[in-house]
Each structure stands twice: as structure tokens, then as C-alpha cells.
Amino acid sequence: MEKRNIANYGTYIKVWLGLLAFTALTVTAAGINIGGFNIIVPLSIAAVKTYLVLSFFMQLKYEGLSLKIMLSGTVMILAIIIGLTFLDVSFR
């Protein structure tokens, strides 16, 4: 059995505080008109929050490369399906 490197409680608290800060940043960005970046900024913040949750709370940071590759492939397939759906709806 291999020993896993699991984060301690301090790491979880720091990640949780980071998620709270990014949530506050998202709410703040929603109230500011930043032109063409109105969609890009909140989605970028959401991507960072997703990375934090997947890496630490779901412990993917400590998993092997094969699981990370499978997750990346799944996310890419999901993005393609969603993109094709938006493409289909926009040309109807």
C-alpha cells in the first residue's frame, strides 16, 4: 500500500478562505461594468474555484497521472458537447 500525501486541516482552511475570497470577488465583479470582460472575468474566477475544489477537497492533487488524464479527457468531451450544443442553438 502506498502512502498518500493528504493535506492537513490548515490547508483545507486556507483553501476554504480562498474560495470565500473568490466568491466575494465574483460578487464584486458582477456589480462592475467592465465592458467585454463581463463574462470572461466571472468564468475565470469560477475556473480557479473549480481547480481548488478538485485539487484539494476531492484530493486530485495527490492522485496518479492516469486519473488526471481521464478527468481531463472527460472535461474536454463535455466542453465539446456543450460547445456543439451552443453552436446548434445559435444557427437555428
C-alpha atoms as a PDB file:
ATOM      1  CA  MET A   1       0.000   0.000   0.000  1.00  0.00           C
ATOM      2  CA  GLU A   2       1.481   3.325  -0.966  1.00  0.00           C
ATOM      3  CA  LYS A   3       1.385   6.235   1.420  1.00  0.00           C
ATOM      4  CA  ARG A   4      -0.633   9.204   0.179  1.00  0.00           C
ATOM      5  CA  ASN A   5       0.241  12.802   0.848  1.00  0.00           C
ATOM      6  CA  ILE A   6      -3.029  14.113   2.274  1.00  0.00           C
ATOM      7  CA  ALA A   7      -3.405  17.781   3.180  1.00  0.00           C
ATOM      8  CA  ASN A   8      -3.787  18.836   6.789  1.00  0.00           C
ATOM      9  CA  TYR A   9      -6.598  20.911   8.275  1.00  0.00           C
ATOM     10  CA  GLY A  10      -4.660  24.149   7.855  1.00  0.00           C
ATOM     11  CA  THR A  11      -4.516  23.617   4.098  1.00  0.00           C
ATOM     12  CA  TYR A  12      -8.265  22.983   3.947  1.00  0.00           C
ATOM     13  CA  ILE A  13      -8.958  26.150   5.915  1.00  0.00           C
ATOM     14  CA  LYS A  14      -6.705  28.195   3.600  1.00  0.00           C
ATOM     15  CA  VAL A  15      -8.424  26.772   0.519  1.00  0.00           C
ATOM     16  CA  TRP A  16     -11.837  27.456   2.056  1.00  0.00           C
ATOM     17  CA  LEU A  17     -10.855  31.055   2.815  1.00  0.00           C
ATOM     18  CA  GLY A  18      -9.567  31.367  -0.751  1.00  0.00           C
ATOM     19  CA  LEU A  19     -12.905  30.109  -2.067  1.00  0.00           C
ATOM     20  CA  LEU A  20     -14.711  32.667   0.086  1.00  0.00           C
ATOM     21  CA  ALA A  21     -12.433  35.419  -1.244  1.00  0.00           C
ATOM     22  CA  PHE A  22     -13.027  34.360  -4.841  1.00  0.00           C
ATOM     23  CA  THR A  23     -16.781  34.275  -4.196  1.00  0.00           C
ATOM     24  CA  ALA A  24     -16.615  37.841  -2.854  1.00  0.00           C
ATOM     25  CA  LEU A  25     -14.554  38.815  -5.908  1.00  0.00           C
ATOM     26  CA  THR A  26     -17.198  37.278  -8.185  1.00  0.00           C
ATOM     27  CA  VAL A  27     -19.975  39.228  -6.452  1.00  0.00           C
ATOM     28  CA  THR A  28     -17.922  42.417  -6.712  1.00  0.00           C
ATOM     29  CA  ALA A  29     -17.170  41.821 -10.395  1.00  0.00           C
ATOM     30  CA  ALA A  30     -20.884  41.278 -11.062  1.00  0.00           C
ATOM     31  CA  GLY A  31     -21.627  44.808  -9.860  1.00  0.00           C
ATOM     32  CA  ILE A  32     -18.979  46.465 -12.039  1.00  0.00           C
ATOM     33  CA  ASN A  33     -19.428  47.119 -15.745  1.00  0.00           C
ATOM     34  CA  ILE A  34     -16.147  46.066 -17.350  1.00  0.00           C
ATOM     35  CA  GLY A  35     -17.331  46.000 -20.937  1.00  0.00           C
ATOM     36  CA  GLY A  36     -16.465  42.908 -22.944  1.00  0.00           C
ATOM     37  CA  PHE A  37     -14.990  41.203 -19.901  1.00  0.00           C
ATOM     38  CA  ASN A  38     -18.347  40.894 -18.098  1.00  0.00           C
ATOM     39  CA  ILE A  39     -18.445  37.173 -18.907  1.00  0.00           C
ATOM     40  CA  ILE A  40     -14.729  36.362 -19.043  1.00  0.00           C
ATOM     41  CA  VAL A  41     -13.863  37.556 -15.522  1.00  0.00           C
ATOM     42  CA  PRO A  42     -16.541  35.572 -13.614  1.00  0.00           C
ATOM     43  CA  LEU A  43     -15.858  32.457 -15.695  1.00  0.00           C
ATOM     44  CA  SER A  44     -12.133  32.764 -14.995  1.00  0.00           C
ATOM     45  CA  ILE A  45     -12.796  33.102 -11.277  1.00  0.00           C
ATOM     46  CA  ALA A  46     -15.125  30.087 -11.449  1.00  0.00           C
ATOM     47  CA  ALA A  47     -12.384  28.082 -13.196  1.00  0.00           C
ATOM     48  CA  VAL A  48      -9.924  28.888 -10.401  1.00  0.00           C
ATOM     49  CA  LYS A  49     -12.503  27.916  -7.785  1.00  0.00           C
ATOM     50  CA  THR A  50     -13.179  24.668  -9.636  1.00  0.00           C
ATOM     51  CA  TYR A  51      -9.460  23.910  -9.684  1.00  0.00           C
ATOM     52  CA  LEU A  52      -9.217  24.484  -5.920  1.00  0.00           C
ATOM     53  CA  VAL A  53     -12.176  22.228  -5.166  1.00  0.00           C
ATOM     54  CA  LEU A  54     -10.977  19.457  -7.477  1.00  0.00           C
ATOM     55  CA  SER A  55      -7.391  19.630  -6.284  1.00  0.00           C
ATOM     56  CA  PHE A  56      -7.840  19.827  -2.547  1.00  0.00           C
ATOM     57  CA  PHE A  57     -11.340  18.830  -1.453  1.00  0.00           C
ATOM     58  CA  MET A  58     -11.578  15.991  -3.994  1.00  0.00           C
ATOM     59  CA  GLN A  59      -7.846  15.273  -3.459  1.00  0.00           C
ATOM     60  CA  LEU A  60      -6.964  15.040  -7.155  1.00  0.00           C
ATOM     61  CA  LYS A  61      -3.689  16.792  -6.383  1.00  0.00           C
ATOM     62  CA  TYR A  62      -2.498  13.622  -4.716  1.00  0.00           C
ATOM     63  CA  GLU A  63      -3.744  11.142  -7.335  1.00  0.00           C
ATOM     64  CA  GLY A  64      -1.775   9.494 -10.102  1.00  0.00           C
ATOM     65  CA  LEU A  65      -1.324  10.763 -13.640  1.00  0.00           C
ATOM     66  CA  SER A  66      -3.771   8.278 -15.189  1.00  0.00           C
ATOM     67  CA  LEU A  67      -6.725   9.614 -13.190  1.00  0.00           C
ATOM     68  CA  LYS A  68      -5.803  13.201 -14.083  1.00  0.00           C
ATOM     69  CA  ILE A  69      -5.632  12.283 -17.777  1.00  0.00           C
ATOM     70  CA  MET A  70      -9.039  10.571 -17.611  1.00  0.00           C
ATOM     71  CA  LEU A  71     -10.557  13.595 -15.892  1.00  0.00           C
ATOM     72  CA  SER A  72      -9.032  15.932 -18.490  1.00  0.00           C
ATOM     73  CA  GLY A  73     -10.439  13.805 -21.307  1.00  0.00           C
ATOM     74  CA  THR A  74     -13.877  13.790 -19.702  1.00  0.00           C
ATOM     75  CA  VAL A  75     -13.850  17.569 -19.273  1.00  0.00           C
ATOM     76  CA  MET A  76     -12.754  18.042 -22.893  1.00  0.00           C
ATOM     77  CA  ILE A  77     -15.561  15.800 -24.173  1.00  0.00           C
ATOM     78  CA  LEU A  78     -18.071  17.703 -22.026  1.00  0.00           C
ATOM     79  CA  ALA A  79     -16.755  21.027 -23.375  1.00  0.00           C
ATOM     80  CA  ILE A  80     -17.090  19.765 -26.949  1.00  0.00           C
ATOM     81  CA  ILE A  81     -20.668  18.600 -26.359  1.00  0.00           C
ATOM     82  CA  ILE A  82     -21.642  21.909 -24.733  1.00  0.00           C
ATOM     83  CA  GLY A  83     -19.887  23.868 -27.489  1.00  0.00           C
ATOM     84  CA  LEU A  84     -21.661  21.913 -30.217  1.00  0.00           C
ATOM     85  CA  THR A  85     -24.978  22.446 -28.427  1.00  0.00           C
ATOM     86  CA  PHE A  86     -24.426  26.218 -28.332  1.00  0.00           C
ATOM     87  CA  LEU A  87     -23.352  26.128 -31.985  1.00  0.00           C
ATOM     88  CA  ASP A  88     -26.522  24.243 -32.930  1.00  0.00           C
ATOM     89  CA  VAL A  89     -28.777  26.627 -30.991  1.00  0.00           C
ATOM     90  CA  SER A  90     -27.087  29.741 -32.415  1.00  0.00           C
ATOM     91  CA  PHE A  91     -27.659  28.679 -36.049  1.00  0.00           C
ATOM     92  CA  ARG A  92     -31.329  27.749 -35.786  1.00  0.00           C
END
